[in-house]
Amino acid sequence: MPYNVPLPRRFAKAGWRVKVFDAEGPEVPHVTIRFKAIGWWRVSLRDGMFLVPGGSWNDIPSPVKAAIEDHWEQLQEYWDRENPQNPVSSAENEEDK
């Protein structure tokens, strides 16, 4: 079951969802932001940058962004628990080698 970021009721009812899905495998650790079936964005849990296909924080309503920021550590911890072969910190470990 994915980790769902609790959003303000107005935005959840409007169709916004923020999740870290289980067993993502070798992908860059990320959180997925969805708005209905209209749009989706993936944000790296390592550096907060948008992954392909792109996007920017300007595309995301401020309250949704604030909810993500408020749960950033929980999102990283959940990713690490569900994807121990590809933890958020693994990019840092590669740089140390």
Protein backbone atom coordinates (compact mmCIF):
# COMPACT_ATOMS: atom_id res chain seq x y z
CA MET A 1 0.00 0.00 0.00
CA PRO A 2 1.54 3.36 -1.00
CA TYR A 3 2.36 6.16 1.41
CA ASN A 4 -0.23 8.91 0.90
CA VAL A 5 0.52 12.45 1.96
CA PRO A 6 -2.51 13.93 3.70
CA LEU A 7 -3.65 17.00 1.77
CA PRO A 8 -6.00 19.80 2.71
CA ARG A 9 -9.54 18.56 2.12
CA ARG A 10 -10.25 21.06 -0.65
CA PHE A 11 -7.31 19.84 -2.72
CA ALA A 12 -7.94 16.15 -2.05
CA LYS A 13 -11.57 16.59 -3.15
CA ALA A 14 -10.39 18.44 -6.27
CA GLY A 15 -8.35 15.38 -7.29
CA TRP A 16 -4.82 16.02 -6.04
CA ARG A 17 -2.85 13.01 -4.75
CA VAL A 18 0.72 12.70 -3.47
CA LYS A 19 2.19 9.24 -3.01
CA VAL A 20 5.29 7.12 -2.75
CA PHE A 21 4.48 3.81 -4.35
CA ASP A 22 5.79 0.46 -3.12
CA ALA A 23 8.55 -1.50 -4.85
CA GLU A 24 9.59 1.11 -7.40
CA GLY A 25 12.86 -0.73 -7.99
CA PRO A 26 15.93 0.90 -9.54
CA GLU A 27 14.31 4.26 -10.29
CA VAL A 28 15.53 7.47 -8.69
CA PRO A 29 13.77 7.71 -5.31
CA HIS A 30 10.76 9.94 -5.91
CA VAL A 31 7.34 11.06 -4.82
CA THR A 32 4.52 11.12 -7.39
CA ILE A 33 2.12 14.06 -7.52
CA ARG A 34 -1.10 13.56 -9.47
CA PHE A 35 -3.96 15.80 -10.41
CA LYS A 36 -6.92 13.70 -11.55
CA ALA A 37 -5.99 12.05 -14.84
CA ILE A 38 -4.84 15.40 -16.20
CA GLY A 39 -1.29 15.64 -14.94
CA TRP A 40 1.39 13.89 -12.97
CA TRP A 41 4.83 14.86 -11.79
CA ARG A 42 7.67 12.99 -10.12
CA VAL A 43 9.96 14.76 -7.67
CA SER A 44 13.30 13.32 -6.58
CA LEU A 45 13.45 12.55 -2.87
CA ARG A 46 17.20 13.21 -3.03
CA ASP A 47 17.22 16.81 -4.21
CA GLY A 48 13.61 17.96 -4.72
CA MET A 49 14.08 18.37 -8.49
CA PHE A 50 11.42 17.34 -10.97
CA LEU A 51 12.18 14.19 -12.95
CA VAL A 52 11.27 13.51 -16.57
CA PRO A 53 8.74 14.39 -17.99
CA GLY A 54 9.48 17.62 -16.14
CA GLY A 55 7.44 20.25 -14.43
CA SER A 56 8.09 22.80 -11.75
CA TRP A 57 6.79 23.78 -8.35
CA ASN A 58 4.84 26.53 -10.14
CA ASP A 59 2.59 23.74 -11.49
CA ILE A 60 1.67 22.62 -7.97
CA PRO A 61 -0.67 24.58 -5.66
CA SER A 62 1.09 26.05 -2.63
CA PRO A 63 -0.91 24.00 -0.06
CA VAL A 64 -0.01 20.76 -1.87
CA LYS A 65 3.66 21.76 -1.96
CA ALA A 66 3.51 22.66 1.75
CA ALA A 67 2.04 19.22 2.58
CA ILE A 68 4.91 17.57 0.70
CA GLU A 69 7.47 19.69 2.51
CA ASP A 70 5.84 18.91 5.86
CA HIS A 71 6.09 15.15 5.15
CA TRP A 72 9.46 15.14 3.34
CA GLU A 73 11.28 13.06 5.98
CA GLN A 74 8.41 10.56 6.22
CA LEU A 75 8.42 10.22 2.42
CA GLN A 76 12.17 9.51 2.43
CA GLU A 77 11.85 7.03 5.30
CA TYR A 78 8.99 5.22 3.59
CA TRP A 79 10.95 4.98 0.33
CA ASP A 80 13.95 3.54 2.19
CA ARG A 81 11.78 0.98 4.00
CA GLU A 82 10.04 -0.17 0.80
CA ASN A 83 13.11 0.00 -1.45
CA PRO A 84 16.10 -1.01 0.70
CA GLN A 85 18.10 -1.90 -2.42
CA ASN A 86 17.82 1.73 -3.58
CA PRO A 87 17.75 4.05 -0.56
CA VAL A 88 17.47 7.81 -0.84
CA SER A 89 20.99 8.16 0.54
CA SER A 90 22.57 5.83 -2.06
CA ALA A 91 23.54 8.74 -4.36
CA GLU A 92 25.50 10.28 -1.50
CA ASN A 93 27.21 6.95 -0.84
CA GLU A 94 28.26 6.66 -4.50
CA GLU A 95 29.91 10.09 -4.34
CA ASP A 96 31.98 9.00 -1.33
CA LYS A 97 33.58 6.12 -3.25
